[in-house]
């Protein structure tokens, strides 16, 4: 079972439907007790970094998710759910993230490009053999909506990069924990392939 964290932020319905399309059993989880039966966690996120962090804490999910990350069990962060895996964000000074990946989330400062980045952009698969990228083309196009990006301080955990005025880590992974800045649930066939790979990697669902 995949626990999709429901804390009042994120494309809950579309992420649920996309995961179910790939054969996963999905349960919306808004309290820590229900994590006990989960095989994996997906943390979506839309909006403000600080608001998302505070909403997770208000549901007493922060420490259980921190423990989950420390255990190395399968986890996928999407958009702000990925940004929360870093130590902090310029968007919300003083509001810490999980600190699983080293680095800070920063704001795009380009004067030539529109911020937020909304639309399709390509991934440079810096670790093309990573399980999330199985069967993907060399430079897949995916859908982004964001004004902030992770500046990851460990090159070895970056699994994809994207350039929008500046180059940033659009995907990172360490062990069974991964995150992506793009929205796989909005990225059509490529996005479904990423979710399918996640489902198959953890061995859940009828298509696993």
N, C-alpha and C. Protein backbone atom coordinates (compact mmCIF):
# COMPACT_ATOMS: atom_id res chain seq x y z
N UNK A 1 0.84 -1.20 0.00
CA UNK A 1 0.00 0.00 0.00
C UNK A 1 0.88 1.25 0.00
N UNK A 2 0.52 2.22 -0.85
CA UNK A 2 1.21 3.51 -0.86
C UNK A 2 0.41 4.50 -0.04
N UNK A 3 1.05 5.10 0.94
CA UNK A 3 0.42 6.14 1.75
C UNK A 3 0.65 7.48 1.06
N UNK A 4 -0.42 8.06 0.56
CA UNK A 4 -0.35 9.38 -0.06
C UNK A 4 -0.70 10.39 1.03
N UNK A 5 0.26 11.21 1.41
CA UNK A 5 0.09 12.10 2.56
C UNK A 5 -0.86 13.23 2.21
N UNK A 6 -1.95 13.30 2.95
CA UNK A 6 -2.99 14.31 2.74
C UNK A 6 -2.92 15.31 3.89
N UNK A 7 -2.34 16.47 3.61
CA UNK A 7 -2.19 17.49 4.65
C UNK A 7 -2.75 18.84 4.20
N UNK A 8 -3.67 18.77 3.23
CA UNK A 8 -4.32 19.99 2.77
C UNK A 8 -3.59 20.72 1.67
N UNK A 9 -2.61 20.07 1.06
CA UNK A 9 -1.86 20.71 -0.02
C UNK A 9 -1.44 19.66 -1.03
N UNK A 10 -1.59 19.96 -2.30
CA UNK A 10 -1.11 19.02 -3.31
C UNK A 10 -2.23 18.55 -4.22
N UNK A 11 -1.82 17.99 -5.35
CA UNK A 11 -2.79 17.47 -6.32
C UNK A 11 -3.19 16.06 -5.90
N UNK A 12 -3.90 15.97 -4.78
CA UNK A 12 -4.20 14.68 -4.19
C UNK A 12 -4.96 13.79 -5.16
N UNK A 13 -6.01 14.33 -5.75
CA UNK A 13 -6.85 13.50 -6.62
C UNK A 13 -6.09 13.02 -7.84
N UNK A 14 -5.38 13.93 -8.50
CA UNK A 14 -4.70 13.55 -9.74
C UNK A 14 -3.52 12.61 -9.46
N UNK A 15 -2.82 12.80 -8.33
CA UNK A 15 -1.74 11.88 -7.98
C UNK A 15 -2.31 10.51 -7.65
N UNK A 16 -3.41 10.48 -6.91
CA UNK A 16 -4.05 9.20 -6.58
C UNK A 16 -4.43 8.44 -7.85
N UNK A 17 -5.10 9.12 -8.77
CA UNK A 17 -5.55 8.47 -9.99
C UNK A 17 -4.38 7.98 -10.83
N UNK A 18 -3.31 8.76 -10.87
CA UNK A 18 -2.14 8.36 -11.66
C UNK A 18 -1.48 7.12 -11.06
N UNK A 19 -1.35 7.06 -9.73
CA UNK A 19 -0.77 5.89 -9.08
C UNK A 19 -1.66 4.67 -9.25
N UNK A 20 -2.97 4.87 -9.11
CA UNK A 20 -3.90 3.75 -9.29
C UNK A 20 -3.87 3.25 -10.72
N UNK A 21 -3.69 4.15 -11.67
CA UNK A 21 -3.58 3.76 -13.08
C UNK A 21 -2.42 2.79 -13.29
N UNK A 22 -1.37 2.96 -12.45
CA UNK A 22 -0.20 2.09 -12.58
C UNK A 22 -0.26 0.89 -11.64
N UNK A 23 -1.44 0.62 -11.11
CA UNK A 23 -1.65 -0.61 -10.37
C UNK A 23 -1.44 -0.56 -8.89
N UNK A 24 -1.20 0.63 -8.33
CA UNK A 24 -0.92 0.74 -6.91
C UNK A 24 -2.19 0.81 -6.08
N UNK A 25 -2.14 0.24 -4.90
CA UNK A 25 -3.16 0.48 -3.89
C UNK A 25 -2.77 1.75 -3.15
N UNK A 26 -3.64 2.74 -3.16
CA UNK A 26 -3.34 4.05 -2.58
C UNK A 26 -4.33 4.35 -1.46
N UNK A 27 -3.80 4.81 -0.34
CA UNK A 27 -4.65 5.27 0.75
C UNK A 27 -4.22 6.67 1.15
N UNK A 28 -5.19 7.57 1.29
CA UNK A 28 -4.90 8.90 1.78
C UNK A 28 -4.64 8.82 3.27
N UNK A 29 -3.53 9.37 3.71
CA UNK A 29 -3.12 9.27 5.10
C UNK A 29 -2.95 10.68 5.67
N UNK A 30 -3.67 10.96 6.73
CA UNK A 30 -3.56 12.26 7.38
C UNK A 30 -3.25 12.13 8.87
N UNK A 31 -2.97 10.89 9.33
CA UNK A 31 -2.54 10.72 10.71
C UNK A 31 -1.48 9.63 10.76
N UNK A 32 -0.59 9.74 11.74
CA UNK A 32 0.60 8.91 11.80
C UNK A 32 0.28 7.44 11.95
N UNK A 33 -0.79 7.10 12.65
CA UNK A 33 -1.10 5.69 12.93
C UNK A 33 -1.26 4.89 11.65
N UNK A 34 -1.75 5.52 10.60
CA UNK A 34 -2.03 4.79 9.36
C UNK A 34 -0.77 4.54 8.54
N UNK A 35 0.36 5.13 8.94
CA UNK A 35 1.60 4.86 8.24
C UNK A 35 2.11 3.45 8.51
N UNK A 36 1.66 2.85 9.60
CA UNK A 36 2.18 1.55 10.00
C UNK A 36 1.96 0.47 8.94
N UNK A 37 0.89 0.60 8.18
CA UNK A 37 0.56 -0.42 7.18
C UNK A 37 1.11 -0.11 5.79
N UNK A 38 1.84 0.97 5.67
CA UNK A 38 2.29 1.42 4.35
C UNK A 38 3.58 0.74 3.91
N UNK A 39 3.68 0.49 2.61
CA UNK A 39 4.92 0.00 2.01
C UNK A 39 5.78 1.15 1.49
N UNK A 40 5.14 2.26 1.20
CA UNK A 40 5.83 3.42 0.64
C UNK A 40 5.03 4.67 0.94
N UNK A 41 5.69 5.81 0.87
CA UNK A 41 5.05 7.10 1.11
C UNK A 41 5.25 7.98 -0.12
N UNK A 42 4.20 8.68 -0.52
CA UNK A 42 4.30 9.73 -1.53
C UNK A 42 3.85 11.03 -0.88
N UNK A 43 4.70 12.04 -0.97
CA UNK A 43 4.42 13.36 -0.39
C UNK A 43 4.28 14.37 -1.52
N UNK A 44 3.05 14.75 -1.89
CA UNK A 44 2.86 15.78 -2.91
C UNK A 44 2.98 17.16 -2.26
N UNK A 45 2.88 18.20 -3.06
CA UNK A 45 2.91 19.53 -2.48
C UNK A 45 2.72 20.60 -3.54
N UNK A 46 1.85 21.55 -3.22
CA UNK A 46 1.62 22.70 -4.09
C UNK A 46 1.52 23.92 -3.21
N UNK A 47 2.20 25.00 -3.60
CA UNK A 47 2.08 26.23 -2.83
C UNK A 47 3.33 26.59 -2.08
N UNK A 48 3.14 27.17 -0.91
CA UNK A 48 4.21 27.75 -0.10
C UNK A 48 4.92 26.69 0.75
N UNK A 49 6.25 26.73 0.74
CA UNK A 49 7.07 25.79 1.50
C UNK A 49 6.70 25.81 2.98
N UNK A 50 6.62 27.01 3.55
CA UNK A 50 6.33 27.12 4.98
C UNK A 50 4.94 26.64 5.34
N UNK A 51 3.96 26.99 4.50
CA UNK A 51 2.59 26.54 4.76
C UNK A 51 2.51 25.02 4.73
N UNK A 52 3.18 24.41 3.76
CA UNK A 52 3.17 22.95 3.66
C UNK A 52 3.80 22.32 4.90
N UNK A 53 4.95 22.86 5.32
CA UNK A 53 5.61 22.31 6.51
C UNK A 53 4.72 22.44 7.73
N UNK A 54 4.10 23.60 7.90
CA UNK A 54 3.25 23.81 9.08
C UNK A 54 2.01 22.92 9.05
N UNK A 55 1.45 22.70 7.86
CA UNK A 55 0.28 21.83 7.76
C UNK A 55 0.63 20.39 8.12
N UNK A 56 1.81 19.95 7.70
CA UNK A 56 2.25 18.60 8.07
C UNK A 56 2.42 18.50 9.59
N UNK A 57 3.02 19.52 10.16
CA UNK A 57 3.23 19.51 11.62
C UNK A 57 1.91 19.58 12.38
N UNK A 58 0.95 20.34 11.85
CA UNK A 58 -0.33 20.47 12.54
C UNK A 58 -1.08 19.14 12.61
N UNK A 59 -0.78 18.24 11.70
CA UNK A 59 -1.40 16.91 11.71
C UNK A 59 -0.52 15.88 12.41
N UNK A 60 0.53 16.38 13.07
CA UNK A 60 1.46 15.52 13.82
C UNK A 60 2.09 14.43 12.95
N UNK A 61 2.37 14.83 11.70
CA UNK A 61 2.98 13.90 10.76
C UNK A 61 4.47 14.17 10.54
N UNK A 62 4.95 15.31 10.99
CA UNK A 62 6.33 15.69 10.69
C UNK A 62 7.34 14.68 11.25
N UNK A 63 7.27 14.42 12.55
CA UNK A 63 8.24 13.50 13.16
C UNK A 63 8.10 12.08 12.62
N UNK A 64 6.88 11.56 12.42
CA UNK A 64 6.77 10.22 11.81
C UNK A 64 7.36 10.16 10.41
N UNK A 65 7.20 11.23 9.61
CA UNK A 65 7.79 11.23 8.28
C UNK A 65 9.31 11.35 8.37
N UNK A 66 9.79 12.11 9.33
CA UNK A 66 11.24 12.20 9.54
C UNK A 66 11.81 10.82 9.91
N UNK A 67 11.09 10.09 10.75
CA UNK A 67 11.52 8.74 11.11
C UNK A 67 11.48 7.82 9.88
N UNK A 68 10.43 7.98 9.05
CA UNK A 68 10.32 7.17 7.84
C UNK A 68 11.52 7.41 6.93
N UNK A 69 11.88 8.66 6.74
CA UNK A 69 13.03 8.98 5.91
C UNK A 69 14.31 8.39 6.49
N UNK A 70 14.44 8.45 7.80
CA UNK A 70 15.63 7.91 8.45
C UNK A 70 15.73 6.40 8.33
N UNK A 71 14.59 5.75 8.16
CA UNK A 71 14.58 4.29 8.05
C UNK A 71 14.98 3.81 6.66
N UNK A 72 14.96 4.72 5.69
CA UNK A 72 15.33 4.35 4.33
C UNK A 72 14.26 3.63 3.55
N UNK A 73 13.04 3.64 4.05
CA UNK A 73 11.94 2.99 3.33
C UNK A 73 11.52 3.84 2.12
N UNK A 74 10.85 3.24 1.13
CA UNK A 74 10.54 3.95 -0.11
C UNK A 74 9.71 5.21 0.12
N UNK A 75 10.14 6.27 -0.53
CA UNK A 75 9.52 7.59 -0.36
C UNK A 75 9.70 8.35 -1.66
N UNK A 76 8.64 9.05 -2.10
CA UNK A 76 8.73 9.91 -3.29
C UNK A 76 8.12 11.25 -2.96
N UNK A 77 8.91 12.31 -3.07
CA UNK A 77 8.42 13.67 -2.90
C UNK A 77 8.19 14.32 -4.25
N UNK A 78 7.07 15.04 -4.38
CA UNK A 78 6.70 15.68 -5.64
C UNK A 78 6.57 17.18 -5.44
N UNK A 79 7.25 17.96 -6.28
CA UNK A 79 7.20 19.43 -6.27
C UNK A 79 7.58 19.96 -4.88
N UNK A 80 6.68 20.63 -4.16
CA UNK A 80 7.04 21.13 -2.84
C UNK A 80 7.33 19.96 -1.89
N UNK A 81 6.71 18.82 -2.13
CA UNK A 81 7.03 17.62 -1.35
C UNK A 81 8.48 17.20 -1.53
N UNK A 82 9.05 17.49 -2.68
CA UNK A 82 10.49 17.28 -2.94
C UNK A 82 11.31 18.38 -2.26
N UNK A 83 10.87 19.63 -2.40
CA UNK A 83 11.61 20.73 -1.78
C UNK A 83 11.72 20.56 -0.27
N UNK A 84 10.68 19.99 0.35
CA UNK A 84 10.70 19.80 1.80
C UNK A 84 11.77 18.81 2.25
N UNK A 85 12.33 18.05 1.34
CA UNK A 85 13.40 17.12 1.69
C UNK A 85 14.72 17.85 1.92
N UNK A 86 14.78 19.14 1.58
CA UNK A 86 15.99 19.92 1.79
C UNK A 86 15.92 20.66 3.12
N UNK A 87 17.03 21.30 3.48
CA UNK A 87 17.14 21.87 4.83
C UNK A 87 16.27 23.10 5.03
N UNK A 88 16.14 23.93 3.99
CA UNK A 88 15.41 25.20 4.15
C UNK A 88 15.05 25.75 2.78
N UNK A 89 14.27 26.84 2.79
CA UNK A 89 13.87 27.49 1.54
C UNK A 89 13.89 29.00 1.71
N UNK A 90 14.34 29.69 0.66
CA UNK A 90 14.27 31.15 0.66
C UNK A 90 12.83 31.64 0.72
N UNK A 91 11.90 30.78 0.35
CA UNK A 91 10.50 31.17 0.37
C UNK A 91 9.98 31.37 1.79
N UNK A 92 10.53 30.62 2.73
CA UNK A 92 10.02 30.63 4.12
C UNK A 92 11.19 30.62 5.10
N UNK A 93 11.89 31.73 5.24
CA UNK A 93 13.03 31.77 6.17
C UNK A 93 12.60 31.40 7.59
N UNK A 94 13.42 30.57 8.21
CA UNK A 94 13.14 30.16 9.58
C UNK A 94 12.28 28.92 9.71
N UNK A 95 11.73 28.43 8.59
CA UNK A 95 10.91 27.21 8.61
C UNK A 95 11.75 26.07 8.04
N UNK A 96 12.22 25.16 8.88
CA UNK A 96 13.12 24.11 8.39
C UNK A 96 12.40 23.05 7.58
N UNK A 97 13.13 22.46 6.65
CA UNK A 97 12.66 21.27 5.96
C UNK A 97 13.16 20.03 6.66
N UNK A 98 12.99 18.88 6.04
CA UNK A 98 13.42 17.63 6.65
C UNK A 98 14.94 17.49 6.68
N UNK A 99 15.64 18.17 5.77
CA UNK A 99 17.09 18.10 5.76
C UNK A 99 17.65 16.76 5.31
N UNK A 100 16.85 15.99 4.57
CA UNK A 100 17.33 14.70 4.08
C UNK A 100 18.41 14.88 3.02
N UNK A 101 18.20 15.84 2.11
CA UNK A 101 19.21 16.20 1.13
C UNK A 101 19.88 17.50 1.58
N UNK A 102 21.17 17.63 1.41
CA UNK A 102 21.85 18.87 1.81
C UNK A 102 21.64 19.97 0.77
N UNK A 103 21.31 21.15 1.25
CA UNK A 103 21.12 22.27 0.35
C UNK A 103 19.90 23.08 0.69
N UNK A 104 19.74 24.17 -0.04
CA UNK A 104 18.63 25.09 0.20
C UNK A 104 17.79 25.23 -1.05
N UNK A 105 16.51 25.50 -0.88
CA UNK A 105 15.62 25.79 -1.99
C UNK A 105 15.68 27.29 -2.27
N UNK A 106 15.95 27.65 -3.51
CA UNK A 106 16.17 29.06 -3.87
C UNK A 106 15.17 29.54 -4.91
N UNK A 107 15.02 30.83 -5.00
CA UNK A 107 14.08 31.43 -5.95
C UNK A 107 14.77 31.72 -7.27
N UNK A 108 14.08 31.48 -8.38
CA UNK A 108 14.59 31.89 -9.69
C UNK A 108 14.76 33.41 -9.70
N UNK A 109 15.89 33.85 -10.20
CA UNK A 109 16.16 35.29 -10.23
C UNK A 109 16.34 35.84 -11.63
N UNK A 110 16.05 35.03 -12.64
CA UNK A 110 16.22 35.46 -14.02
C UNK A 110 15.27 36.60 -14.35
N UNK A 111 15.79 37.62 -15.01
CA UNK A 111 14.96 38.74 -15.47
C UNK A 111 14.47 38.51 -16.90
N UNK A 112 15.03 37.53 -17.57
CA UNK A 112 14.65 37.26 -18.95
C UNK A 112 13.51 36.26 -19.06
N UNK A 113 13.32 35.44 -18.03
CA UNK A 113 12.33 34.38 -18.08
C UNK A 113 11.20 34.64 -17.10
N UNK A 114 10.03 34.14 -17.43
CA UNK A 114 8.89 34.30 -16.54
C UNK A 114 9.03 33.39 -15.33
N UNK A 115 8.71 33.95 -14.18
CA UNK A 115 8.69 33.19 -12.94
C UNK A 115 7.30 33.33 -12.35
N UNK A 116 6.61 32.22 -12.05
CA UNK A 116 7.11 30.85 -12.03
C UNK A 116 7.32 30.24 -13.41
N UNK A 117 8.12 29.19 -13.43
CA UNK A 117 8.21 28.36 -14.63
C UNK A 117 6.95 27.52 -14.68
N UNK A 118 6.18 27.71 -15.73
CA UNK A 118 4.96 26.93 -15.92
C UNK A 118 5.01 26.34 -17.33
N UNK A 119 5.11 25.04 -17.40
CA UNK A 119 5.12 24.41 -18.72
C UNK A 119 6.11 23.27 -18.80
N UNK A 120 6.36 22.86 -20.04
CA UNK A 120 7.17 21.69 -20.31
C UNK A 120 8.64 22.05 -20.42
N UNK A 121 9.49 21.20 -19.86
CA UNK A 121 10.92 21.38 -19.97
C UNK A 121 11.56 19.99 -19.92
N UNK A 122 12.80 19.92 -20.35
CA UNK A 122 13.44 18.61 -20.46
C UNK A 122 14.26 18.27 -19.22
N UNK A 123 14.44 16.98 -19.03
CA UNK A 123 15.31 16.46 -17.98
C UNK A 123 16.63 16.01 -18.60
N UNK A 124 17.72 16.40 -17.99
CA UNK A 124 19.01 15.79 -18.29
C UNK A 124 19.21 14.69 -17.26
N UNK A 125 19.12 13.46 -17.69
CA UNK A 125 19.21 12.34 -16.75
C UNK A 125 20.66 12.10 -16.38
N UNK A 126 21.08 12.68 -15.27
CA UNK A 126 22.48 12.57 -14.85
C UNK A 126 22.81 11.18 -14.33
N UNK A 127 21.78 10.43 -13.93
CA UNK A 127 21.95 9.02 -13.57
C UNK A 127 20.89 8.22 -14.35
N UNK A 128 21.10 8.02 -15.63
CA UNK A 128 20.08 7.41 -16.48
C UNK A 128 19.72 5.98 -16.08
N UNK A 129 20.58 5.32 -15.32
CA UNK A 129 20.29 3.95 -14.88
C UNK A 129 19.44 3.91 -13.61
N UNK A 130 19.10 5.07 -13.05
CA UNK A 130 18.29 5.06 -11.84
C UNK A 130 16.94 4.40 -12.13
N UNK A 131 16.41 3.60 -11.19
CA UNK A 131 15.15 2.88 -11.44
C UNK A 131 13.98 3.78 -11.82
N UNK A 132 13.92 5.02 -11.33
CA UNK A 132 12.81 5.90 -11.70
C UNK A 132 12.78 6.21 -13.18
N UNK A 133 13.96 6.13 -13.82
CA UNK A 133 14.06 6.53 -15.23
C UNK A 133 13.99 5.35 -16.18
N UNK A 134 13.71 4.16 -15.67
CA UNK A 134 13.68 2.97 -16.53
C UNK A 134 12.74 3.19 -17.73
N UNK A 135 13.25 2.93 -18.92
CA UNK A 135 12.52 2.97 -20.20
C UNK A 135 12.27 4.39 -20.70
N UNK A 136 12.77 5.41 -20.01
CA UNK A 136 12.57 6.78 -20.47
C UNK A 136 13.55 7.13 -21.59
N UNK A 137 13.18 8.04 -22.49
CA UNK A 137 14.11 8.50 -23.53
C UNK A 137 15.22 9.34 -22.89
N UNK A 138 16.29 9.65 -23.64
CA UNK A 138 17.44 10.35 -23.05
C UNK A 138 17.12 11.73 -22.47
N UNK A 139 16.23 12.49 -23.11
CA UNK A 139 15.90 13.83 -22.61
C UNK A 139 14.38 13.98 -22.57
N UNK A 140 13.75 13.34 -21.61
CA UNK A 140 12.29 13.38 -21.55
C UNK A 140 11.77 14.76 -21.17
N UNK A 141 10.61 15.12 -21.70
CA UNK A 141 9.95 16.38 -21.35
C UNK A 141 8.88 16.11 -20.30
N UNK A 142 8.87 16.97 -19.28
CA UNK A 142 7.92 16.84 -18.18
C UNK A 142 7.36 18.22 -17.84
N UNK A 143 6.34 18.25 -17.00
CA UNK A 143 5.62 19.48 -16.72
C UNK A 143 6.00 20.06 -15.36
N UNK A 144 6.36 21.35 -15.37
CA UNK A 144 6.78 22.05 -14.16
C UNK A 144 5.82 23.19 -13.83
N UNK A 145 5.66 23.45 -12.53
CA UNK A 145 5.01 24.67 -12.04
C UNK A 145 5.73 25.04 -10.75
N UNK A 146 6.65 26.01 -10.82
CA UNK A 146 7.40 26.37 -9.61
C UNK A 146 8.17 27.68 -9.79
N UNK A 147 8.31 28.37 -8.67
CA UNK A 147 9.11 29.60 -8.62
C UNK A 147 10.43 29.38 -7.89
N UNK A 148 10.54 28.25 -7.20
CA UNK A 148 11.72 27.93 -6.39
C UNK A 148 12.27 26.58 -6.83
N UNK A 149 13.56 26.39 -6.61
CA UNK A 149 14.21 25.15 -7.04
C UNK A 149 15.25 24.72 -6.00
N UNK A 150 15.49 23.43 -5.89
CA UNK A 150 16.49 22.94 -4.94
C UNK A 150 17.91 23.13 -5.47
N UNK A 151 18.73 23.74 -4.65
CA UNK A 151 20.17 23.83 -4.93
C UNK A 151 20.85 22.76 -4.09
N UNK A 152 20.99 21.58 -4.67
CA UNK A 152 21.51 20.43 -3.94
C UNK A 152 23.03 20.52 -3.82
N UNK A 153 23.53 20.25 -2.64
CA UNK A 153 24.96 20.38 -2.36
C UNK A 153 25.73 19.07 -2.54
N UNK A 154 25.03 18.00 -2.91
CA UNK A 154 25.70 16.72 -3.16
C UNK A 154 25.42 16.28 -4.58
N UNK A 155 26.45 16.35 -5.40
CA UNK A 155 26.29 15.99 -6.81
C UNK A 155 25.90 14.53 -6.98
N UNK A 156 26.35 13.67 -6.07
CA UNK A 156 26.12 12.23 -6.25
C UNK A 156 24.68 11.82 -6.02
N UNK A 157 23.86 12.67 -5.39
CA UNK A 157 22.46 12.31 -5.18
C UNK A 157 21.54 12.90 -6.26
N UNK A 158 22.09 13.76 -7.12
CA UNK A 158 21.29 14.35 -8.19
C UNK A 158 21.11 13.33 -9.30
N UNK A 159 19.86 13.04 -9.64
CA UNK A 159 19.59 12.06 -10.69
C UNK A 159 19.07 12.70 -11.97
N UNK A 160 18.73 13.99 -11.91
CA UNK A 160 18.30 14.72 -13.11
C UNK A 160 18.52 16.21 -12.88
N UNK A 161 18.83 16.90 -13.98
CA UNK A 161 18.97 18.36 -13.95
C UNK A 161 18.09 18.97 -15.04
N UNK A 162 17.68 20.20 -14.79
CA UNK A 162 16.89 20.96 -15.76
C UNK A 162 17.41 22.39 -15.76
N UNK A 163 17.38 23.01 -16.93
CA UNK A 163 17.83 24.39 -17.04
C UNK A 163 16.66 25.31 -17.36
N UNK A 164 16.50 26.30 -16.51
CA UNK A 164 15.52 27.37 -16.75
C UNK A 164 16.16 28.65 -16.23
N UNK A 165 16.94 29.30 -17.09
CA UNK A 165 17.74 30.43 -16.65
C UNK A 165 18.99 29.97 -15.94
N UNK A 166 18.85 29.04 -15.02
CA UNK A 166 19.97 28.39 -14.36
C UNK A 166 19.66 26.91 -14.23
N UNK A 167 20.70 26.13 -14.04
CA UNK A 167 20.53 24.69 -13.96
C UNK A 167 20.33 24.26 -12.52
N UNK A 168 19.33 23.42 -12.30
CA UNK A 168 19.00 22.99 -10.95
C UNK A 168 18.74 21.48 -10.92
N UNK A 169 18.70 20.94 -9.70
CA UNK A 169 18.45 19.51 -9.50
C UNK A 169 16.95 19.25 -9.59
N UNK A 170 16.50 18.76 -10.73
CA UNK A 170 15.07 18.48 -10.91
C UNK A 170 14.69 17.09 -10.40
N UNK A 171 15.69 16.32 -9.96
CA UNK A 171 15.44 15.04 -9.33
C UNK A 171 16.62 14.66 -8.47
N UNK A 172 16.36 14.07 -7.31
CA UNK A 172 17.43 13.62 -6.43
C UNK A 172 16.99 12.33 -5.77
N UNK A 173 17.96 11.50 -5.41
CA UNK A 173 17.64 10.23 -4.76
C UNK A 173 18.82 9.76 -3.94
N UNK A 174 18.50 9.13 -2.83
CA UNK A 174 19.49 8.50 -1.97
C UNK A 174 18.84 7.26 -1.37
N UNK A 175 19.35 6.10 -1.74
CA UNK A 175 18.72 4.86 -1.32
C UNK A 175 17.32 4.75 -1.91
N UNK A 176 16.34 4.49 -1.07
CA UNK A 176 14.96 4.33 -1.53
C UNK A 176 14.17 5.64 -1.50
N UNK A 177 14.82 6.72 -1.12
CA UNK A 177 14.15 8.02 -1.02
C UNK A 177 14.47 8.85 -2.26
N UNK A 178 13.43 9.37 -2.90
CA UNK A 178 13.63 10.17 -4.11
C UNK A 178 12.65 11.34 -4.13
N UNK A 179 12.98 12.33 -4.93
CA UNK A 179 12.09 13.46 -5.11
C UNK A 179 12.26 14.04 -6.50
N UNK A 180 11.18 14.62 -7.02
CA UNK A 180 11.22 15.25 -8.35
C UNK A 180 10.54 16.61 -8.27
N UNK A 181 11.11 17.59 -8.96
CA UNK A 181 10.53 18.93 -8.95
C UNK A 181 9.34 19.04 -9.89
N UNK A 182 9.31 18.23 -10.92
CA UNK A 182 8.21 18.29 -11.88
C UNK A 182 7.00 17.53 -11.33
N UNK A 183 5.89 17.64 -12.04
CA UNK A 183 4.65 16.96 -11.67
C UNK A 183 4.45 15.74 -12.55
N UNK A 184 4.78 14.53 -12.09
CA UNK A 184 4.56 13.36 -12.94
C UNK A 184 3.09 13.14 -13.27
N UNK A 185 2.20 13.53 -12.36
CA UNK A 185 0.76 13.32 -12.60
C UNK A 185 0.23 14.23 -13.69
N UNK A 186 1.03 15.25 -14.11
CA UNK A 186 0.64 16.15 -15.19
C UNK A 186 1.51 15.97 -16.43
N UNK A 187 2.42 15.01 -16.38
CA UNK A 187 3.42 14.87 -17.44
C UNK A 187 3.12 13.74 -18.42
N UNK A 188 1.85 13.42 -18.55
CA UNK A 188 1.37 12.47 -19.56
C UNK A 188 2.14 11.15 -19.50
N UNK A 189 2.52 10.58 -20.63
CA UNK A 189 3.10 9.24 -20.65
C UNK A 189 4.42 9.16 -19.89
N UNK A 190 5.24 10.20 -19.99
CA UNK A 190 6.52 10.19 -19.27
C UNK A 190 6.27 10.16 -17.77
N UNK A 191 5.36 10.99 -17.30
CA UNK A 191 5.07 11.03 -15.88
C UNK A 191 4.50 9.73 -15.37
N UNK A 192 3.61 9.12 -16.15
CA UNK A 192 3.06 7.83 -15.75
C UNK A 192 4.15 6.76 -15.71
N UNK A 193 5.12 6.86 -16.62
CA UNK A 193 6.23 5.90 -16.61
C UNK A 193 7.06 6.04 -15.35
N UNK A 194 7.27 7.27 -14.90
CA UNK A 194 8.03 7.50 -13.66
C UNK A 194 7.28 6.88 -12.48
N UNK A 195 5.98 7.13 -12.39
CA UNK A 195 5.19 6.55 -11.30
C UNK A 195 5.14 5.03 -11.40
N UNK A 196 5.04 4.52 -12.63
CA UNK A 196 5.05 3.07 -12.83
C UNK A 196 6.35 2.47 -12.32
N UNK A 197 7.45 3.13 -12.60
CA UNK A 197 8.74 2.64 -12.14
C UNK A 197 8.82 2.66 -10.61
N UNK A 198 8.26 3.69 -10.00
CA UNK A 198 8.25 3.76 -8.53
C UNK A 198 7.42 2.60 -7.97
N UNK A 199 6.25 2.38 -8.53
CA UNK A 199 5.38 1.30 -8.06
C UNK A 199 6.06 -0.06 -8.23
N UNK A 200 6.69 -0.28 -9.36
CA UNK A 200 7.34 -1.56 -9.60
C UNK A 200 8.56 -1.74 -8.72
N UNK A 201 9.27 -0.67 -8.46
CA UNK A 201 10.49 -0.76 -7.66
C UNK A 201 10.17 -1.19 -6.22
N UNK A 202 9.03 -0.74 -5.69
CA UNK A 202 8.68 -1.11 -4.32
C UNK A 202 7.86 -2.39 -4.26
N UNK A 203 7.47 -2.91 -5.44
CA UNK A 203 6.80 -4.19 -5.47
C UNK A 203 5.39 -4.20 -4.95
N UNK A 204 4.64 -3.12 -5.21
CA UNK A 204 3.24 -3.10 -4.79
C UNK A 204 2.37 -2.95 -6.02
N UNK A 205 1.12 -3.38 -5.91
CA UNK A 205 0.19 -3.23 -7.01
C UNK A 205 0.21 -4.42 -7.94
N UNK A 206 -0.87 -4.57 -8.67
CA UNK A 206 -1.02 -5.73 -9.54
C UNK A 206 -0.07 -5.72 -10.72
N UNK A 207 0.47 -4.54 -11.06
CA UNK A 207 1.40 -4.46 -12.19
C UNK A 207 2.85 -4.51 -11.74
N UNK A 208 3.07 -4.66 -10.45
CA UNK A 208 4.44 -4.63 -9.94
C UNK A 208 5.24 -5.85 -10.40
